[in-house]
PDB file of all heavy atoms in Angstrom:
ATOM      1  N   ILE A   1     -24.268  49.949  30.979  1.00  0.00           N
ATOM      2  CA  ILE A   1     -25.586  49.466  31.379  1.00  0.00           C
ATOM      3  C   ILE A   1     -26.623  50.370  30.724  1.00  0.00           C
ATOM      4  O   ILE A   1     -26.478  51.580  30.662  1.00  0.00           O
ATOM      5  CB  ILE A   1     -25.732  49.434  32.906  1.00  0.00           C
ATOM      6  CG1 ILE A   1     -27.043  48.814  33.309  1.00  0.00           C
ATOM      7  CG2 ILE A   1     -25.548  50.791  33.521  1.00  0.00           C
ATOM      8  CD1 ILE A   1     -27.125  48.450  34.781  1.00  0.00           C
ATOM      9  N   GLU A   2     -27.660  49.759  30.198  1.00  0.00           N
ATOM     10  CA  GLU A   2     -28.698  50.499  29.478  1.00  0.00           C
ATOM     11  C   GLU A   2     -29.784  50.972  30.429  1.00  0.00           C
ATOM     12  O   GLU A   2     -29.980  50.417  31.510  1.00  0.00           O
ATOM     13  CB  GLU A   2     -29.325  49.592  28.412  1.00  0.00           C
ATOM     14  CG  GLU A   2     -28.305  49.106  27.375  1.00  0.00           C
ATOM     15  CD  GLU A   2     -27.637  50.217  26.593  1.00  0.00           C
ATOM     16  OE1 GLU A   2     -28.327  51.207  26.257  1.00  0.00           O
ATOM     17  OE2 GLU A   2     -26.445  50.132  26.347  1.00  0.00           O
ATOM     18  N   GLY A   3     -30.522  51.956  30.015  1.00  0.00           N
ATOM     19  CA  GLY A   3     -31.602  52.550  30.795  1.00  0.00           C
ATOM     20  C   GLY A   3     -32.601  51.529  31.334  1.00  0.00           C
ATOM     21  O   GLY A   3     -32.944  51.568  32.523  1.00  0.00           O
ATOM     22  N   PRO A   4     -33.099  50.612  30.483  1.00  0.00           N
ATOM     23  CA  PRO A   4     -34.066  49.613  30.978  1.00  0.00           C
ATOM     24  C   PRO A   4     -33.500  48.718  32.082  1.00  0.00           C
ATOM     25  O   PRO A   4     -34.200  48.341  33.003  1.00  0.00           O
ATOM     26  CB  PRO A   4     -34.420  48.791  29.740  1.00  0.00           C
ATOM     27  CG  PRO A   4     -34.172  49.721  28.592  1.00  0.00           C
ATOM     28  CD  PRO A   4     -32.976  50.562  29.023  1.00  0.00           C
ATOM     29  N   GLU A   5     -32.198  48.382  31.995  1.00  0.00           N
ATOM     30  CA  GLU A   5     -31.570  47.562  33.028  1.00  0.00           C
ATOM     31  C   GLU A   5     -31.506  48.332  34.359  1.00  0.00           C
ATOM     32  O   GLU A   5     -31.731  47.769  35.422  1.00  0.00           O
ATOM     33  CB  GLU A   5     -30.177  47.137  32.603  1.00  0.00           C
ATOM     34  CG  GLU A   5     -30.148  46.187  31.421  1.00  0.00           C
ATOM     35  CD  GLU A   5     -28.753  45.971  30.906  1.00  0.00           C
ATOM     36  OE1 GLU A   5     -28.105  46.946  30.517  1.00  0.00           O
ATOM     37  OE2 GLU A   5     -28.321  44.797  30.921  1.00  0.00           O
ATOM     38  N   ILE A   6     -31.190  49.618  34.272  1.00  0.00           N
ATOM     39  CA  ILE A   6     -31.134  50.448  35.478  1.00  0.00           C
ATOM     40  C   ILE A   6     -32.533  50.574  36.084  1.00  0.00           C
ATOM     41  O   ILE A   6     -32.711  50.452  37.292  1.00  0.00           O
ATOM     42  CB  ILE A   6     -30.550  51.838  35.175  1.00  0.00           C
ATOM     43  CG1 ILE A   6     -29.053  51.712  34.820  1.00  0.00           C
ATOM     44  CG2 ILE A   6     -30.731  52.806  36.342  1.00  0.00           C
ATOM     45  CD1 ILE A   6     -28.440  52.979  34.287  1.00  0.00           C
ATOM     46  N   ASP A   7     -33.531  50.831  35.230  1.00  0.00           N
ATOM     47  CA  ASP A   7     -34.903  50.939  35.690  1.00  0.00           C
ATOM     48  C   ASP A   7     -35.365  49.647  36.376  1.00  0.00           C
ATOM     49  O   ASP A   7     -36.035  49.686  37.415  1.00  0.00           O
ATOM     50  CB  ASP A   7     -35.856  51.287  34.555  1.00  0.00           C
ATOM     51  CG  ASP A   7     -35.612  52.697  33.999  1.00  0.00           C
ATOM     52  OD1 ASP A   7     -34.967  53.509  34.676  1.00  0.00           O
ATOM     53  OD2 ASP A   7     -36.052  52.940  32.856  1.00  0.00           O
ATOM     54  N   ASP A   8     -35.004  48.512  35.777  1.00  0.00           N
ATOM     55  CA  ASP A   8     -35.402  47.214  36.349  1.00  0.00           C
ATOM     56  C   ASP A   8     -34.754  47.004  37.710  1.00  0.00           C
ATOM     57  O   ASP A   8     -35.413  46.572  38.663  1.00  0.00           O
ATOM     58  CB  ASP A   8     -34.998  46.082  35.401  1.00  0.00           C
ATOM     59  CG  ASP A   8     -35.356  44.718  35.956  1.00  0.00           C
ATOM     60  OD1 ASP A   8     -36.555  44.485  36.257  1.00  0.00           O
ATOM     61  OD2 ASP A   8     -34.443  43.878  36.102  1.00  0.00           O
ATOM     62  N   LEU A   9     -33.466  47.339  37.834  1.00  0.00           N
ATOM     63  CA  LEU A   9     -32.783  47.170  39.116  1.00  0.00           C
ATOM     64  C   LEU A   9     -33.402  48.084  40.185  1.00  0.00           C
ATOM     65  O   LEU A   9     -33.672  47.652  41.296  1.00  0.00           O
ATOM     66  CB  LEU A   9     -31.286  47.456  38.990  1.00  0.00           C
ATOM     67  CG  LEU A   9     -30.479  47.386  40.270  1.00  0.00           C
ATOM     68  CD1 LEU A   9     -30.637  46.041  40.981  1.00  0.00           C
ATOM     69  CD2 LEU A   9     -29.021  47.673  39.975  1.00  0.00           C
ATOM     70  N   ASN A  10     -33.653  49.342  39.837  1.00  0.00           N
ATOM     71  CA  ASN A  10     -34.282  50.253  40.813  1.00  0.00           C
ATOM     72  C   ASN A  10     -35.656  49.772  41.203  1.00  0.00           C
ATOM     73  O   ASN A  10     -36.060  49.892  42.366  1.00  0.00           O
ATOM     74  CB  ASN A  10     -34.328  51.673  40.250  1.00  0.00           C
ATOM     75  CG  ASN A  10     -32.988  52.375  40.334  1.00  0.00           C
ATOM     76  OD1 ASN A  10     -32.279  52.245  41.327  1.00  0.00           O
ATOM     77  ND2 ASN A  10     -32.642  53.115  39.310  1.00  0.00           N
ATOM     78  N   SER A  11     -36.418  49.227  40.263  1.00  0.00           N
ATOM     79  CA  SER A  11     -37.737  48.690  40.559  1.00  0.00           C
ATOM     80  C   SER A  11     -37.613  47.534  41.537  1.00  0.00           C
ATOM     81  O   SER A  11     -38.370  47.422  42.510  1.00  0.00           O
ATOM     82  CB  SER A  11     -38.421  48.248  39.271  1.00  0.00           C
ATOM     83  OG  SER A  11     -39.642  47.648  39.556  1.00  0.00           O
ATOM     84  N   ARG A  12     -36.667  46.612  41.287  1.00  0.00           N
ATOM     85  CA  ARG A  12     -36.485  45.464  42.174  1.00  0.00           C
ATOM     86  C   ARG A  12     -36.022  45.896  43.567  1.00  0.00           C
ATOM     87  O   ARG A  12     -36.391  45.298  44.564  1.00  0.00           O
ATOM     88  CB  ARG A  12     -35.511  44.475  41.566  1.00  0.00           C
ATOM     89  CG  ARG A  12     -36.109  43.776  40.373  1.00  0.00           C
ATOM     90  CD  ARG A  12     -35.290  42.669  39.799  1.00  0.00           C
ATOM     91  NE  ARG A  12     -34.049  42.425  40.498  1.00  0.00           N
ATOM     92  CZ  ARG A  12     -32.949  41.948  39.911  1.00  0.00           C
ATOM     93  NH1 ARG A  12     -32.948  41.639  38.648  1.00  0.00           N
ATOM     94  NH2 ARG A  12     -31.867  41.748  40.607  1.00  0.00           N
ATOM     95  N   LEU A  13     -35.204  46.965  43.622  1.00  0.00           N
ATOM     96  CA  LEU A  13     -34.761  47.475  44.927  1.00  0.00           C
ATOM     97  C   LEU A  13     -35.945  47.943  45.770  1.00  0.00           C
ATOM     98  O   LEU A  13     -35.965  47.790  46.982  1.00  0.00           O
ATOM     99  CB  LEU A  13     -33.785  48.631  44.762  1.00  0.00           C
ATOM    100  CG  LEU A  13     -32.373  48.292  44.300  1.00  0.00           C
ATOM    101  CD1 LEU A  13     -31.605  49.557  43.983  1.00  0.00           C
ATOM    102  CD2 LEU A  13     -31.632  47.448  45.311  1.00  0.00           C
ATOM    103  N   ASN A  14     -36.952  48.501  45.117  1.00  0.00           N
ATOM    104  CA  ASN A  14     -38.061  49.118  45.845  1.00  0.00           C
ATOM    105  C   ASN A  14     -39.313  48.245  45.967  1.00  0.00           C
ATOM    106  O   ASN A  14     -40.300  48.682  46.537  1.00  0.00           O
ATOM    107  CB  ASN A  14     -38.412  50.459  45.207  1.00  0.00           C
ATOM    108  CG  ASN A  14     -37.299  51.444  45.452  1.00  0.00           C
ATOM    109  OD1 ASN A  14     -36.955  51.734  46.593  1.00  0.00           O
ATOM    110  ND2 ASN A  14     -36.709  51.954  44.384  1.00  0.00           N
ATOM    111  N   GLU A  15     -39.272  47.011  45.467  1.00  0.00           N
ATOM    112  CA  GLU A  15     -40.384  46.091  45.641  1.00  0.00           C
ATOM    113  C   GLU A  15     -40.437  45.656  47.096  1.00  0.00           C
ATOM    114  O   GLU A  15     -39.419  45.513  47.765  1.00  0.00           O
ATOM    115  CB  GLU A  15     -40.227  44.853  44.756  1.00  0.00           C
ATOM    116  CG  GLU A  15     -40.503  45.117  43.304  1.00  0.00           C
ATOM    117  CD  GLU A  15     -40.298  43.876  42.453  1.00  0.00           C
ATOM    118  OE1 GLU A  15     -39.903  42.805  42.982  1.00  0.00           O
ATOM    119  OE2 GLU A  15     -40.532  43.984  41.248  1.00  0.00           O
ATOM    120  N   HIS A  16     -41.647  45.438  47.577  1.00  0.00           N
ATOM    121  CA  HIS A  16     -41.815  45.053  48.988  1.00  0.00           C
ATOM    122  C   HIS A  16     -42.285  43.611  49.122  1.00  0.00           C
ATOM    123  O   HIS A  16     -42.903  43.261  50.106  1.00  0.00           O
ATOM    124  CB  HIS A  16     -42.793  46.001  49.674  1.00  0.00           C
ATOM    125  CG  HIS A  16     -42.307  47.420  49.691  1.00  0.00           C
ATOM    126  ND1 HIS A  16     -41.258  47.816  50.489  1.00  0.00           N
ATOM    127  CD2 HIS A  16     -42.688  48.497  48.998  1.00  0.00           C
ATOM    128  CE1 HIS A  16     -41.014  49.102  50.284  1.00  0.00           C
ATOM    129  NE2 HIS A  16     -41.876  49.538  49.389  1.00  0.00           N
ATOM    130  N   GLN A  17     -42.015  42.786  48.156  1.00  0.00           N
ATOM    131  CA  GLN A  17     -42.448  41.396  48.212  1.00  0.00           C
ATOM    132  C   GLN A  17     -41.450  40.595  49.032  1.00  0.00           C
ATOM    133  O   GLN A  17     -40.255  40.658  48.807  1.00  0.00           O
ATOM    134  CB  GLN A  17     -42.549  40.809  46.800  1.00  0.00           C
ATOM    135  CG  GLN A  17     -43.538  41.527  45.912  1.00  0.00           C
ATOM    136  CD  GLN A  17     -43.484  41.024  44.483  1.00  0.00           C
ATOM    137  OE1 GLN A  17     -42.753  40.076  44.191  1.00  0.00           O
ATOM    138  NE2 GLN A  17     -44.216  41.643  43.608  1.00  0.00           N
ATOM    139  N   SER A  18     -41.960  39.809  49.937  1.00  0.00           N
ATOM    140  CA  SER A  18     -41.064  39.034  50.805  1.00  0.00           C
ATOM    141  C   SER A  18     -40.499  37.818  50.080  1.00  0.00           C
ATOM    142  O   SER A  18     -39.454  37.328  50.475  1.00  0.00           O
ATOM    143  CB  SER A  18     -41.813  38.584  52.056  1.00  0.00           C
ATOM    144  OG  SER A  18     -42.918  37.776  51.706  1.00  0.00           O
ATOM    145  N   GLY A  19     -41.120  37.334  49.040  1.00  0.00           N
ATOM    146  CA  GLY A  19     -40.664  36.136  48.360  1.00  0.00           C
ATOM    147  C   GLY A  19     -39.775  36.395  47.166  1.00  0.00           C
ATOM    148  O   GLY A  19     -39.413  35.453  46.486  1.00  0.00           O
ATOM    149  N   GLN A  20     -39.398  37.635  46.926  1.00  0.00           N
ATOM    150  CA  GLN A  20     -38.594  37.931  45.742  1.00  0.00           C
ATOM    151  C   GLN A  20     -37.172  37.437  45.902  1.00  0.00           C
ATOM    152  O   GLN A  20     -36.685  37.204  47.005  1.00  0.00           O
ATOM    153  CB  GLN A  20     -38.594  39.419  45.439  1.00  0.00           C
ATOM    154  CG  GLN A  20     -37.693  40.229  46.339  1.00  0.00           C
ATOM    155  CD  GLN A  20     -37.736  41.714  45.970  1.00  0.00           C
ATOM    156  OE1 GLN A  20     -38.711  42.208  45.459  1.00  0.00           O
ATOM    157  NE2 GLN A  20     -36.662  42.404  46.263  1.00  0.00           N
ATOM    158  N   GLU A  21     -36.494  37.240  44.772  1.00  0.00           N
ATOM    159  CA  GLU A  21     -35.094  36.851  44.773  1.00  0.00           C
ATOM    160  C   GLU A  21     -34.288  37.923  45.498  1.00  0.00           C
ATOM    161  O   GLU A  21     -34.501  39.116  45.326  1.00  0.00           O
ATOM    162  CB  GLU A  21     -34.616  36.754  43.324  1.00  0.00           C
ATOM    163  CG  GLU A  21     -33.127  36.571  43.199  1.00  0.00           C
ATOM    164  CD  GLU A  21     -32.646  36.789  41.785  1.00  0.00           C
ATOM    165  OE1 GLU A  21     -33.461  36.975  40.877  1.00  0.00           O
ATOM    166  OE2 GLU A  21     -31.424  36.801  41.613  1.00  0.00           O
ATOM    167  N   ILE A  22     -33.390  37.496  46.350  1.00  0.00           N
ATOM    168  CA  ILE A  22     -32.553  38.439  47.091  1.00  0.00           C
ATOM    169  C   ILE A  22     -31.133  38.362  46.551  1.00  0.00           C
ATOM    170  O   ILE A  22     -30.457  37.347  46.674  1.00  0.00           O
ATOM    171  CB  ILE A  22     -32.550  38.119  48.608  1.00  0.00           C
ATOM    172  CG1 ILE A  22     -33.955  38.154  49.177  1.00  0.00           C
ATOM    173  CG2 ILE A  22     -31.624  39.053  49.337  1.00  0.00           C
ATOM    174  CD1 ILE A  22     -34.600  39.525  49.166  1.00  0.00           C
ATOM    175  N   THR A  23     -30.698  39.445  45.921  1.00  0.00           N
ATOM    176  CA  THR A  23     -29.310  39.551  45.482  1.00  0.00           C
ATOM    177  C   THR A  23     -28.581  40.437  46.469  1.00  0.00           C
ATOM    178  O   THR A  23     -29.206  41.049  47.339  1.00  0.00           O
ATOM    179  CB  THR A  23     -29.222  40.160  44.061  1.00  0.00           C
ATOM    180  OG1 THR A  23     -29.734  41.490  44.124  1.00  0.00           O
ATOM    181  CG2 THR A  23     -29.993  39.351  43.061  1.00  0.00           C
ATOM    182  N   GLY A  24     -27.284  40.537  46.341  1.00  0.00           N
ATOM    183  CA  GLY A  24     -26.492  41.340  47.255  1.00  0.00           C
ATOM    184  C   GLY A  24     -26.973  42.773  47.371  1.00  0.00           C
ATOM    185  O   GLY A  24     -27.140  43.298  48.463  1.00  0.00           O
ATOM    186  N   LEU A  25     -27.194  43.426  46.220  1.00  0.00           N
ATOM    187  CA  LEU A  25     -27.624  44.824  46.254  1.00  0.00           C
ATOM    188  C   LEU A  25     -28.991  44.976  46.906  1.00  0.00           C
ATOM    189  O   LEU A  25     -29.220  45.915  47.685  1.00  0.00           O
ATOM    190  CB  LEU A  25     -27.642  45.426  44.860  1.00  0.00           C
ATOM    191  CG  LEU A  25     -26.299  45.681  44.200  1.00  0.00           C
ATOM    192  CD1 LEU A  25     -26.479  46.157  42.764  1.00  0.00           C
ATOM    193  CD2 LEU A  25     -25.488  46.680  45.001  1.00  0.00           C
ATOM    194  N   ILE A  26     -29.900  44.093  46.586  1.00  0.00           N
ATOM    195  CA  ILE A  26     -31.258  44.171  47.178  1.00  0.00           C
ATOM    196  C   ILE A  26     -31.200  43.937  48.673  1.00  0.00           C
ATOM    197  O   ILE A  26     -31.858  44.635  49.450  1.00  0.00           O
ATOM    198  CB  ILE A  26     -32.208  43.170  46.480  1.00  0.00           C
ATOM    199  CG1 ILE A  26     -32.432  43.603  45.016  1.00  0.00           C
ATOM    200  CG2 ILE A  26     -33.530  43.070  47.213  1.00  0.00           C
ATOM    201  CD1 ILE A  26     -33.133  42.583  44.152  1.00  0.00           C
ATOM    202  N   ASN A  27     -30.384  42.981  49.103  1.00  0.00           N
ATOM    203  CA  ASN A  27     -30.231  42.699  50.512  1.00  0.00           C
ATOM    204  C   ASN A  27     -29.659  43.939  51.251  1.00  0.00           C
ATOM    205  O   ASN A  27     -30.166  44.320  52.325  1.00  0.00           O
ATOM    206  CB  ASN A  27     -29.331  41.488  50.716  1.00  0.00           C
ATOM    207  CG  ASN A  27     -29.295  41.023  52.142  1.00  0.00           C
ATOM    208  OD1 ASN A  27     -30.254  41.145  52.881  1.00  0.00           O
ATOM    209  ND2 ASN A  27     -28.159  40.453  52.538  1.00  0.00           N
TER     210      ASN A  27
END
């Protein structure tokens, strides 16, 4: 996994938007 992909996942984990896509890790 590349750095930008890791950064994107960590960013999505920490977003506080209620309407965002929910994947297993985010949930």
